[in-house]
Amino acid sequence: MSALEALTSAPSRAGIELRPAGLTLRETVPSDITECGRILYEAFATLAAEHGFPADFPNVGVATGCMRGLVTNPGFYGVAAERNGRIIGSAFLDERSTIAAIGPVSVDPSAQDARVGRALMGALLARAETQRAPGVRLVQISYHNRSLSLYAKLGFDVRETFAAMYGEALHLELPGYEVRPARPEDEAACNALCLRIHGHDRAGEVRPALAKGKLRVVERLGRVTGYATGIGYFHHAVAETNDDLYALVGAASRIDRPGIVVPLSNGDLFRWCLAHGLRVFFVMNLMAIGIYQQPRGAYLASVGY
């Protein structure tokens, strides 16, 4: 029995069978990228079309590129589901920071309603438990009632509601708020800021963003008062105040759909985005198991949390 089979052979914390008969779960490998990328695109495109929304990914190529980044990144734990030797789904656990994040979870439309998603989720939760993650989070598209129900059954609670917002670049500067590329000496300040606001850092995302030249900071009165690992759906931002966040968003060169992920509990931030021409793409729920601290500052979420 493989390590993954051992993890998923016991009932879940919700008492639900994790692995239906005939379904094989295994860790993802690079040869899975093309097929898992196709499934990722078709699963989300089919779901969006059923509810009258544009697809999350514009084409299979973009989804496959996303899948390549997940499968080849050692900070992500991936699981593929197979039936009769054919891949029918995949799911990933982001293990780069203290709090683990699940996503994306995708099942081939031809294999829906056969407990495949439930099995994938069970495998990731079992993995998080063995890794002693103090908390697990995910961001769920609110119009997908089935996934909302499944995650609740597995023990997740809704903690926040987000709006994915997009629009034209704002080309906006705030006097006294300098937005610049991060330097190596900024890394500690970024991690400390995230720790103060969220109760944990996201160093596993900050460091790669810095190495790739994608980390931006806002500096006010000689101090780093906010940062963004990028502006977009797969990135997050943290700031002391809304003004710091406005400076980061205002300096972004693009805010393409699905755009930035705005917590709706921050009414001033949401209204500011609307006033500056950003539009709501869809609404999402942050769901969590384990430790959760209400953020103590301004932030933009990512696709994970």
C-alpha atoms as a PDB file:
ATOM      1  CA  MET A   1       0.000   0.000   0.000  1.00  0.00           C
ATOM      2  CA  SER A   2       1.383   3.410  -0.992  1.00  0.00           C
ATOM      3  CA  ALA A   3       1.598   6.315   1.439  1.00  0.00           C
ATOM      4  CA  LEU A   4      -1.313   8.009  -0.344  1.00  0.00           C
ATOM      5  CA  GLU A   5      -3.435   4.859  -0.229  1.00  0.00           C
ATOM      6  CA  ALA A   6      -2.736   4.566   3.486  1.00  0.00           C
ATOM      7  CA  LEU A   7      -3.791   8.157   4.036  1.00  0.00           C
ATOM      8  CA  THR A   8      -7.082   7.734   2.223  1.00  0.00           C
ATOM      9  CA  SER A   9      -8.086   4.261   3.375  1.00  0.00           C
ATOM     10  CA  ALA A  10      -9.651   5.537   6.624  1.00  0.00           C
ATOM     11  CA  PRO A  11     -12.914   7.518   6.940  1.00  0.00           C
ATOM     12  CA  SER A  12     -12.678  11.287   6.785  1.00  0.00           C
ATOM     13  CA  ARG A  13     -13.226  13.552   9.805  1.00  0.00           C
ATOM     14  CA  ALA A  14     -16.821  13.917   8.593  1.00  0.00           C
ATOM     15  CA  GLY A  15     -17.309  10.140   8.475  1.00  0.00           C
ATOM     16  CA  ILE A  16     -17.469  10.071   4.668  1.00  0.00           C
ATOM     17  CA  GLU A  17     -15.773   7.355   2.606  1.00  0.00           C
ATOM     18  CA  LEU A  18     -12.801   8.997   0.934  1.00  0.00           C
ATOM     19  CA  ARG A  19     -12.054   6.656  -1.954  1.00  0.00           C
ATOM     20  CA  PRO A  20     -14.952   5.124  -3.927  1.00  0.00           C
ATOM     21  CA  ALA A  21     -14.475   1.675  -5.396  1.00  0.00           C
ATOM     22  CA  GLY A  22     -12.590   1.668  -8.691  1.00  0.00           C
ATOM     23  CA  LEU A  23     -10.948   5.023  -8.081  1.00  0.00           C
ATOM     24  CA  THR A  24      -7.170   5.270  -7.756  1.00  0.00           C
ATOM     25  CA  LEU A  25      -5.445   8.239  -6.135  1.00  0.00           C
ATOM     26  CA  ARG A  26      -1.755   8.971  -6.655  1.00  0.00           C
ATOM     27  CA  GLU A  27       0.625  11.909  -6.552  1.00  0.00           C
ATOM     28  CA  THR A  28       0.829  13.997  -9.718  1.00  0.00           C
ATOM     29  CA  VAL A  29       3.848  13.708 -12.032  1.00  0.00           C
ATOM     30  CA  PRO A  30       4.999  15.917 -14.938  1.00  0.00           C
ATOM     31  CA  SER A  31       3.495  13.558 -17.546  1.00  0.00           C
ATOM     32  CA  ASP A  32       0.043  14.423 -16.113  1.00  0.00           C
ATOM     33  CA  ILE A  33       0.307  18.137 -16.981  1.00  0.00           C
ATOM     34  CA  THR A  34      -1.354  18.101 -20.405  1.00  0.00           C
ATOM     35  CA  GLU A  35      -4.365  15.977 -19.428  1.00  0.00           C
ATOM     36  CA  CYS A  36      -4.809  17.643 -16.042  1.00  0.00           C
ATOM     37  CA  GLY A  37      -4.598  21.025 -17.761  1.00  0.00           C
ATOM     38  CA  ARG A  38      -7.359  20.043 -20.166  1.00  0.00           C
ATOM     39  CA  ILE A  39      -9.548  18.843 -17.324  1.00  0.00           C
ATOM     40  CA  LEU A  40      -8.861  22.019 -15.327  1.00  0.00           C
ATOM     41  CA  TYR A  41     -10.008  24.168 -18.236  1.00  0.00           C
ATOM     42  CA  GLU A  42     -13.075  22.091 -19.116  1.00  0.00           C
ATOM     43  CA  ALA A  43     -14.215  21.643 -15.509  1.00  0.00           C
ATOM     44  CA  PHE A  44     -14.194  25.368 -14.751  1.00  0.00           C
ATOM     45  CA  ALA A  45     -15.476  26.388 -18.199  1.00  0.00           C
ATOM     46  CA  THR A  46     -18.416  23.971 -17.993  1.00  0.00           C
ATOM     47  CA  LEU A  47     -19.318  25.153 -14.496  1.00  0.00           C
ATOM     48  CA  ALA A  48     -19.108  28.823 -15.491  1.00  0.00           C
ATOM     49  CA  ALA A  49     -21.232  28.284 -18.609  1.00  0.00           C
ATOM     50  CA  GLU A  50     -23.921  26.537 -16.577  1.00  0.00           C
ATOM     51  CA  HIS A  51     -24.250  29.696 -14.456  1.00  0.00           C
ATOM     52  CA  GLY A  52     -23.870  32.264 -17.233  1.00  0.00           C
ATOM     53  CA  PHE A  53     -20.281  33.332 -16.424  1.00  0.00           C
ATOM     54  CA  PRO A  54     -17.211  33.539 -18.676  1.00  0.00           C
ATOM     55  CA  ALA A  55     -14.606  30.841 -18.079  1.00  0.00           C
ATOM     56  CA  ASP A  56     -11.947  31.395 -15.403  1.00  0.00           C
ATOM     57  CA  PHE A  57      -9.244  30.407 -17.905  1.00  0.00           C
ATOM     58  CA  PRO A  58      -9.477  31.918 -21.416  1.00  0.00           C
ATOM     59  CA  ASN A  59      -8.223  28.748 -23.109  1.00  0.00           C
ATOM     60  CA  VAL A  60      -6.700  25.321 -22.517  1.00  0.00           C
ATOM     61  CA  GLY A  61      -3.189  26.699 -22.939  1.00  0.00           C
ATOM     62  CA  VAL A  62      -3.511  29.073 -20.002  1.00  0.00           C
ATOM     63  CA  ALA A  63      -4.986  26.337 -17.801  1.00  0.00           C
ATOM     64  CA  THR A  64      -2.179  23.980 -18.812  1.00  0.00           C
ATOM     65  CA  GLY A  65       0.394  26.623 -17.946  1.00  0.00           C
ATOM     66  CA  CYS A  66      -1.192  26.960 -14.517  1.00  0.00           C
ATOM     67  CA  MET A  67      -1.118  23.184 -14.120  1.00  0.00           C
ATOM     68  CA  ARG A  68       2.553  23.069 -15.084  1.00  0.00           C
ATOM     69  CA  GLY A  69       3.358  25.602 -12.383  1.00  0.00           C
ATOM     70  CA  LEU A  70       1.521  23.520  -9.785  1.00  0.00           C
ATOM     71  CA  VAL A  71       2.909  20.110 -10.700  1.00  0.00           C
ATOM     72  CA  THR A  72       6.520  21.266 -10.965  1.00  0.00           C
ATOM     73  CA  ASN A  73       6.538  23.451  -7.834  1.00  0.00           C
ATOM     74  CA  PRO A  74       7.855  21.486  -4.823  1.00  0.00           C
ATOM     75  CA  GLY A  75       5.789  23.714  -2.535  1.00  0.00           C
ATOM     76  CA  PHE A  76       2.579  22.111  -3.832  1.00  0.00           C
ATOM     77  CA  TYR A  77       1.356  18.593  -3.109  1.00  0.00           C
ATOM     78  CA  GLY A  78      -0.710  17.277  -5.998  1.00  0.00           C
ATOM     79  CA  VAL A  79      -3.084  14.324  -6.235  1.00  0.00           C
ATOM     80  CA  ALA A  80      -4.456  12.816  -9.442  1.00  0.00           C
ATOM     81  CA  ALA A  81      -7.567  10.642  -9.577  1.00  0.00           C
ATOM     82  CA  GLU A  82      -7.682   7.778 -12.088  1.00  0.00           C
ATOM     83  CA  ARG A  83     -10.367   5.337 -13.148  1.00  0.00           C
ATOM     84  CA  ASN A  84      -9.619   2.475 -15.545  1.00  0.00           C
ATOM     85  CA  GLY A  85      -6.167   3.951 -16.143  1.00  0.00           C
ATOM     86  CA  ARG A  86      -7.543   7.354 -17.198  1.00  0.00           C
ATOM     87  CA  ILE A  87      -7.018  10.603 -15.298  1.00  0.00           C
ATOM     88  CA  ILE A  88     -10.365  12.128 -14.342  1.00  0.00           C
ATOM     89  CA  GLY A  89      -9.352  14.821 -11.867  1.00  0.00           C
ATOM     90  CA  SER A  90      -6.675  16.496  -9.781  1.00  0.00           C
ATOM     91  CA  ALA A  91      -6.293  18.660  -6.699  1.00  0.00           C
ATOM     92  CA  PHE A  92      -3.461  20.544  -4.995  1.00  0.00           C
ATOM     93  CA  LEU A  93      -2.397  21.554  -1.507  1.00  0.00           C
ATOM     94  CA  ASP A  94      -0.247  24.681  -1.182  1.00  0.00           C
ATOM     95  CA  GLU A  95       2.272  23.874   1.560  1.00  0.00           C
ATOM     96  CA  ARG A  96       4.525  26.914   1.151  1.00  0.00           C
ATOM     97  CA  SER A  97       3.373  28.672   4.316  1.00  0.00           C
ATOM     98  CA  THR A  98       2.212  27.870   7.845  1.00  0.00           C
ATOM     99  CA  ILE A  99      -1.445  27.697   6.792  1.00  0.00           C
ATOM    100  CA  ALA A 100      -2.135  25.239   3.976  1.00  0.00           C
ATOM    101  CA  ALA A 101      -4.405  26.111   1.058  1.00  0.00           C
ATOM    102  CA  ILE A 102      -6.415  23.812  -1.197  1.00  0.00           C
ATOM    103  CA  GLY A 103      -6.917  24.537  -4.866  1.00  0.00           C
ATOM    104  CA  PRO A 104      -7.592  24.142  -7.631  1.00  0.00           C
ATOM    105  CA  VAL A 105      -9.758  21.031  -7.441  1.00  0.00           C
ATOM    106  CA  SER A 106     -10.991  19.911 -10.864  1.00  0.00           C
ATOM    107  CA  VAL A 107     -12.926  16.874 -12.076  1.00  0.00           C
ATOM    108  CA  ASP A 108     -13.573  15.935 -15.702  1.00  0.00           C
ATOM    109  CA  PRO A 109     -17.183  16.921 -16.566  1.00  0.00           C
ATOM    110  CA  SER A 110     -17.763  13.334 -17.742  1.00  0.00           C
ATOM    111  CA  ALA A 111     -16.928  12.066 -14.231  1.00  0.00           C
ATOM    112  CA  GLN A 112     -19.002  14.493 -12.191  1.00  0.00           C
ATOM    113  CA  ASP A 113     -21.316  13.331  -9.392  1.00  0.00           C
ATOM    114  CA  ALA A 114     -19.276  10.188  -8.698  1.00  0.00           C
ATOM    115  CA  ARG A 115     -17.589  11.355  -5.451  1.00  0.00           C
ATOM    116  CA  VAL A 116     -14.285  12.073  -7.213  1.00  0.00           C
ATOM    117  CA  GLY A 117     -14.023  15.588  -5.797  1.00  0.00           C
ATOM    118  CA  ARG A 118     -14.806  14.246  -2.328  1.00  0.00           C
ATOM    119  CA  ALA A 119     -12.027  11.669  -2.664  1.00  0.00           C
ATOM    120  CA  LEU A 120      -9.518  14.309  -3.787  1.00  0.00           C
ATOM    121  CA  MET A 121     -10.467  16.586  -0.902  1.00  0.00           C
ATOM    122  CA  GLY A 122     -10.109  13.734   1.556  1.00  0.00           C
ATOM    123  CA  ALA A 123      -6.603  13.001   0.298  1.00  0.00           C
ATOM    124  CA  LEU A 124      -5.534  16.625   0.718  1.00  0.00           C
ATOM    125  CA  LEU A 125      -7.017  16.917   4.207  1.00  0.00           C
ATOM    126  CA  ALA A 126      -5.250  13.713   5.206  1.00  0.00           C
ATOM    127  CA  ARG A 127      -2.002  15.127   3.846  1.00  0.00           C
ATOM    128  CA  ALA A 128      -2.479  18.387   5.773  1.00  0.00           C
ATOM    129  CA  GLU A 129      -3.024  16.374   8.945  1.00  0.00           C
ATOM    130  CA  THR A 130       0.177  14.384   8.475  1.00  0.00           C
ATOM    131  CA  GLN A 131       2.052  17.652   7.809  1.00  0.00           C
ATOM    132  CA  ARG A 132       0.593  19.076  11.052  1.00  0.00           C
ATOM    133  CA  ALA A 133      -0.815  22.141   9.317  1.00  0.00           C
ATOM    134  CA  PRO A 134      -2.591  24.229  12.006  1.00  0.00           C
ATOM    135  CA  GLY A 135      -5.176  25.362   9.493  1.00  0.00           C
ATOM    136  CA  VAL A 136      -6.398  24.668   5.961  1.00  0.00           C
ATOM    137  CA  ARG A 137      -8.194  27.170   3.732  1.00  0.00           C
ATOM    138  CA  LEU A 138      -9.722  27.405   0.308  1.00  0.00           C
ATOM    139  CA  VAL A 139     -11.568  29.940  -1.802  1.00  0.00           C
ATOM    140  CA  GLN A 140     -14.831  28.619  -3.253  1.00  0.00           C
ATOM    141  CA  ILE A 141     -16.852  30.177  -6.111  1.00  0.00           C
ATOM    142  CA  SER A 142     -20.161  31.065  -4.506  1.00  0.00           C
ATOM    143  CA  TYR A 143     -22.378  30.001  -7.407  1.00  0.00           C
ATOM    144  CA  HIS A 144     -21.142  26.410  -7.133  1.00  0.00           C
ATOM    145  CA  ASN A 145     -23.609  25.088  -4.581  1.00  0.00           C
ATOM    146  CA  ARG A 146     -22.337  21.507  -4.702  1.00  0.00           C
ATOM    147  CA  SER A 147     -18.772  22.385  -3.713  1.00  0.00           C
ATOM    148  CA  LEU A 148     -20.044  24.705  -0.970  1.00  0.00           C
ATOM    149  CA  SER A 149     -22.087  21.848   0.465  1.00  0.00           C
ATOM    150  CA  LEU A 150     -19.255  19.329   0.145  1.00  0.00           C
ATOM    151  CA  TYR A 151     -16.730  21.553   1.897  1.00  0.00           C
ATOM    152  CA  ALA A 152     -19.158  22.259   4.716  1.00  0.00           C
ATOM    153  CA  LYS A 153     -19.716  18.515   5.177  1.00  0.00           C
ATOM    154  CA  LEU A 154     -15.953  18.049   5.411  1.00  0.00           C
ATOM    155  CA  GLY A 155     -15.757  20.558   8.258  1.00  0.00           C
ATOM    156  CA  PHE A 156     -15.008  23.883   6.552  1.00  0.00           C
ATOM    157  CA  ASP A 157     -16.616  27.083   7.837  1.00  0.00           C
ATOM    158  CA  VAL A 158     -17.228  30.216   5.752  1.00  0.00           C
ATOM    159  CA  ARG A 159     -15.051  32.994   7.194  1.00  0.00           C
ATOM    160  CA  GLU A 160     -15.171  35.759   4.572  1.00  0.00           C
ATOM    161  CA  THR A 161     -16.775  36.676   1.258  1.00  0.00           C
ATOM    162  CA  PHE A 162     -14.742  38.102  -1.617  1.00  0.00           C
ATOM    163  CA  ALA A 163     -15.434  39.802  -4.934  1.00  0.00           C
ATOM    164  CA  ALA A 164     -13.133  39.067  -7.852  1.00  0.00           C
ATOM    165  CA  MET A 165     -12.835  42.481  -9.528  1.00  0.00           C
ATOM    166  CA  TYR A 166     -11.196  43.522 -12.778  1.00  0.00           C
ATOM    167  CA  GLY A 167     -10.845  46.482 -15.094  1.00  0.00           C
ATOM    168  CA  GLU A 168      -8.392  48.803 -16.780  1.00  0.00           C
ATOM    169  CA  ALA A 169      -5.113  49.735 -15.115  1.00  0.00           C
ATOM    170  CA  LEU A 170      -5.698  52.809 -12.921  1.00  0.00           C
ATOM    171  CA  HIS A 171      -2.338  54.575 -13.394  1.00  0.00           C
ATOM    172  CA  LEU A 172      -2.888  56.205 -10.021  1.00  0.00           C
ATOM    173  CA  GLU A 173      -0.283  57.635  -7.654  1.00  0.00           C
ATOM    174  CA  LEU A 174      -0.900  58.683  -4.050  1.00  0.00           C
ATOM    175  CA  PRO A 175       1.338  61.483  -2.741  1.00  0.00           C
ATOM    176  CA  GLY A 176       3.617  60.180  -0.003  1.00  0.00           C
ATOM    177  CA  TYR A 177       3.143  56.526  -0.998  1.00  0.00           C
ATOM    178  CA  GLU A 178       6.033  55.187  -3.072  1.00  0.00           C
ATOM    179  CA  VAL A 179       5.392  51.886  -4.834  1.00  0.00           C
ATOM    180  CA  ARG A 180       8.590  50.210  -6.002  1.00  0.00           C
ATOM    181  CA  PRO A 181      10.070  46.779  -6.734  1.00  0.00           C
ATOM    182  CA  ALA A 182      11.034  45.014  -3.519  1.00  0.00           C
ATOM    183  CA  ARG A 183      14.671  44.610  -2.580  1.00  0.00           C
ATOM    184  CA  PRO A 184      16.140  41.633  -0.695  1.00  0.00           C
ATOM    185  CA  GLU A 185      16.268  43.652   2.514  1.00  0.00           C
ATOM    186  CA  ASP A 186      12.475  44.180   2.312  1.00  0.00           C
ATOM    187  CA  GLU A 187      11.671  40.474   2.726  1.00  0.00           C
ATOM    188  CA  ALA A 188      11.741  40.478   6.529  1.00  0.00           C
ATOM    189  CA  ALA A 189       9.516  43.561   6.707  1.00  0.00           C
ATOM    190  CA  CYS A 190       6.978  41.960   4.356  1.00  0.00           C
ATOM    191  CA  ASN A 191       6.840  38.767   6.416  1.00  0.00           C
ATOM    192  CA  ALA A 192       6.516  40.726   9.665  1.00  0.00           C
ATOM    193  CA  LEU A 193       3.668  42.779   8.195  1.00  0.00           C
ATOM    194  CA  CYS A 194       1.756  39.682   7.107  1.00  0.00           C
ATOM    195  CA  LEU A 195       2.315  38.069  10.508  1.00  0.00           C
ATOM    196  CA  ARG A 196       0.930  41.136  12.273  1.00  0.00           C
ATOM    197  CA  ILE A 197      -2.168  41.327  10.080  1.00  0.00           C
ATOM    198  CA  HIS A 198      -2.996  37.653   9.482  1.00  0.00           C
ATOM    199  CA  GLY A 199      -1.349  35.922  12.437  1.00  0.00           C
ATOM    200  CA  HIS A 200       0.977  33.994  10.124  1.00  0.00           C
ATOM    201  CA  ASP A 201       3.409  34.871   7.362  1.00  0.00           C
ATOM    202  CA  ARG A 202       3.309  33.809   3.719  1.00  0.00           C
ATOM    203  CA  ALA A 203       7.057  33.630   3.305  1.00  0.00           C
ATOM    204  CA  GLY A 204       6.737  30.731   0.895  1.00  0.00           C
ATOM    205  CA  GLU A 205       5.052  33.079  -1.581  1.00  0.00           C
ATOM    206  CA  VAL A 206       6.994  36.243  -0.781  1.00  0.00           C
ATOM    207  CA  ARG A 207      10.438  34.772  -1.435  1.00  0.00           C
ATOM    208  CA  PRO A 208       9.691  33.347  -4.929  1.00  0.00           C
ATOM    209  CA  ALA A 209       7.926  36.584  -5.908  1.00  0.00           C
ATOM    210  CA  LEU A 210      11.004  38.522  -4.816  1.00  0.00           C
ATOM    211  CA  ALA A 211      13.305  36.197  -6.755  1.00  0.00           C
ATOM    212  CA  LYS A 212      11.192  36.594  -9.912  1.00  0.00           C
ATOM    213  CA  GLY A 213      11.001  40.382  -9.601  1.00  0.00           C
ATOM    214  CA  LYS A 214       7.240  40.289  -9.006  1.00  0.00           C
ATOM    215  CA  LEU A 215       7.184  41.532  -5.408  1.00  0.00           C
ATOM    216  CA  ARG A 216       6.143  45.173  -4.993  1.00  0.00           C
ATOM    217  CA  VAL A 217       6.171  47.201  -1.801  1.00  0.00           C
ATOM    218  CA  VAL A 218       4.662  50.521  -0.812  1.00  0.00           C
ATOM    219  CA  GLU A 219       6.892  52.713   1.304  1.00  0.00           C
ATOM    220  CA  ARG A 220       5.535  55.495   3.497  1.00  0.00           C
ATOM    221  CA  LEU A 221       7.620  57.715   5.796  1.00  0.00           C
ATOM    222  CA  GLY A 222      10.622  55.493   5.184  1.00  0.00           C
ATOM    223  CA  ARG A 223       8.863  52.234   6.156  1.00  0.00           C
ATOM    224  CA  VAL A 224       7.431  49.339   4.174  1.00  0.00           C
ATOM    225  CA  THR A 225       3.699  49.578   4.903  1.00  0.00           C
ATOM    226  CA  GLY A 226       2.379  47.126   2.330  1.00  0.00           C
ATOM    227  CA  TYR A 227       3.365  44.613  -0.293  1.00  0.00           C
ATOM    228  CA  ALA A 228       1.886  42.621  -3.157  1.00  0.00           C
ATOM    229  CA  THR A 229       3.213  39.399  -4.665  1.00  0.00           C
ATOM    230  CA  GLY A 230       1.574  40.622  -7.858  1.00  0.00           C
ATOM    231  CA  ILE A 231      -1.807  42.116  -8.662  1.00  0.00           C
ATOM    232  CA  GLY A 232      -4.116  39.411  -9.921  1.00  0.00           C
ATOM    233  CA  TYR A 233      -6.174  36.341  -9.106  1.00  0.00           C
ATOM    234  CA  PHE A 234      -3.237  34.152  -8.084  1.00  0.00           C
ATOM    235  CA  HIS A 235      -1.519  36.743  -5.891  1.00  0.00           C
ATOM    236  CA  HIS A 236      -2.097  38.389  -2.530  1.00  0.00           C
ATOM    237  CA  ALA A 237      -1.416  41.785  -0.977  1.00  0.00           C
ATOM    238  CA  VAL A 238      -1.141  42.972   2.629  1.00  0.00           C
ATOM    239  CA  ALA A 239      -1.057  46.552   3.925  1.00  0.00           C
ATOM    240  CA  GLU A 240      -1.345  48.542   7.128  1.00  0.00           C
ATOM    241  CA  THR A 241      -4.133  50.760   5.767  1.00  0.00           C
ATOM    242  CA  ASN A 242      -6.502  50.986   2.835  1.00  0.00           C
ATOM    243  CA  ASP A 243      -4.478  53.921   1.489  1.00  0.00           C
ATOM    244  CA  ASP A 244      -1.409  51.700   1.266  1.00  0.00           C
ATOM    245  CA  LEU A 245      -3.481  49.161  -0.636  1.00  0.00           C
ATOM    246  CA  TYR A 246      -4.904  51.856  -2.925  1.00  0.00           C
ATOM    247  CA  ALA A 247      -1.339  52.796  -3.828  1.00  0.00           C
ATOM    248  CA  LEU A 248      -0.469  49.190  -4.702  1.00  0.00           C
ATOM    249  CA  VAL A 249      -3.584  48.653  -6.821  1.00  0.00           C
ATOM    250  CA  GLY A 250      -3.241  52.092  -8.408  1.00  0.00           C
ATOM    251  CA  ALA A 251       0.295  51.299  -9.547  1.00  0.00           C
ATOM    252  CA  ALA A 252      -0.590  47.919 -11.092  1.00  0.00           C
ATOM    253  CA  SER A 253       0.146  47.745 -14.812  1.00  0.00           C
ATOM    254  CA  ARG A 254      -2.846  45.458 -15.424  1.00  0.00           C
ATOM    255  CA  ILE A 255      -5.936  44.194 -13.563  1.00  0.00           C
ATOM    256  CA  ASP A 256      -7.139  41.615 -16.045  1.00  0.00           C
ATOM    257  CA  ARG A 257     -10.100  39.330 -15.412  1.00  0.00           C
ATOM    258  CA  PRO A 258     -10.551  37.613 -13.018  1.00  0.00           C
ATOM    259  CA  GLY A 259      -8.494  40.377 -11.429  1.00  0.00           C
ATOM    260  CA  ILE A 260      -8.034  41.134  -7.740  1.00  0.00           C
ATOM    261  CA  VAL A 261      -9.807  39.404  -4.854  1.00  0.00           C
ATOM    262  CA  VAL A 262     -11.411  42.015  -2.571  1.00  0.00           C
ATOM    263  CA  PRO A 263     -12.831  41.147   0.891  1.00  0.00           C
ATOM    264  CA  LEU A 264     -16.394  42.464   0.993  1.00  0.00           C
ATOM    265  CA  SER A 265     -16.149  43.101   4.726  1.00  0.00           C
ATOM    266  CA  ASN A 266     -13.870  46.012   3.775  1.00  0.00           C
ATOM    267  CA  GLY A 267     -16.639  48.240   2.467  1.00  0.00           C
ATOM    268  CA  ASP A 268     -14.390  51.254   1.905  1.00  0.00           C
ATOM    269  CA  LEU A 269     -12.017  49.222  -0.257  1.00  0.00           C
ATOM    270  CA  PHE A 270     -14.879  47.693  -2.249  1.00  0.00           C
ATOM    271  CA  ARG A 271     -16.463  51.097  -2.894  1.00  0.00           C
ATOM    272  CA  TRP A 272     -13.086  52.576  -3.854  1.00  0.00           C
ATOM    273  CA  CYS A 273     -12.616  49.846  -6.451  1.00  0.00           C
ATOM    274  CA  LEU A 274     -16.090  50.466  -7.857  1.00  0.00           C
ATOM    275  CA  ALA A 275     -15.514  54.233  -7.926  1.00  0.00           C
ATOM    276  CA  HIS A 276     -12.348  53.676  -9.958  1.00  0.00           C
ATOM    277  CA  GLY A 277     -14.087  51.627 -12.623  1.00  0.00           C
ATOM    278  CA  LEU A 278     -13.377  48.089 -11.449  1.00  0.00           C
ATOM    279  CA  ARG A 279     -16.201  45.614 -11.968  1.00  0.00           C
ATOM    280  CA  VAL A 280     -17.269  42.486 -10.099  1.00  0.00           C
ATOM    281  CA  PHE A 281     -16.587  39.271 -11.995  1.00  0.00           C
ATOM    282  CA  PHE A 282     -17.966  36.825  -9.432  1.00  0.00           C
ATOM    283  CA  VAL A 283     -18.255  36.349  -5.670  1.00  0.00           C
ATOM    284  CA  MET A 284     -16.328  33.762  -3.648  1.00  0.00           C
ATOM    285  CA  ASN A 285     -16.259  32.381  -0.129  1.00  0.00           C
ATOM    286  CA  LEU A 286     -13.199  31.885   2.046  1.00  0.00           C
ATOM    287  CA  MET A 287     -13.648  28.597   3.911  1.00  0.00           C
ATOM    288  CA  ALA A 288     -11.370  27.361   6.684  1.00  0.00           C
ATOM    289  CA  ILE A 289     -10.634  24.479   9.024  1.00  0.00           C
ATOM    290  CA  GLY A 290      -8.460  24.997  12.085  1.00  0.00           C
ATOM    291  CA  ILE A 291      -6.778  28.183  13.257  1.00  0.00           C
ATOM    292  CA  TYR A 292      -8.220  31.396  11.855  1.00  0.00           C
ATOM    293  CA  GLN A 293      -7.439  34.965  12.912  1.00  0.00           C
ATOM    294  CA  GLN A 294      -9.587  37.816  11.678  1.00  0.00           C
ATOM    295  CA  PRO A 295      -7.211  40.031   9.657  1.00  0.00           C
ATOM    296  CA  ARG A 296      -6.112  43.228  11.419  1.00  0.00           C
ATOM    297  CA  GLY A 297      -5.407  45.393   8.429  1.00  0.00           C
ATOM    298  CA  ALA A 298      -6.062  45.770   4.716  1.00  0.00           C
ATOM    299  CA  TYR A 299      -5.457  42.927   2.300  1.00  0.00           C
ATOM    300  CA  LEU A 300      -6.289  41.320  -1.027  1.00  0.00           C
ATOM    301  CA  ALA A 301      -6.754  37.564  -1.072  1.00  0.00           C
ATOM    302  CA  SER A 302      -5.400  35.037  -3.570  1.00  0.00           C
ATOM    303  CA  VAL A 303      -7.012  31.997  -5.142  1.00  0.00           C
ATOM    304  CA  GLY A 304      -5.869  30.033  -2.062  1.00  0.00           C
ATOM    305  CA  TYR A 305      -6.728  32.481   0.751  1.00  0.00           C
END
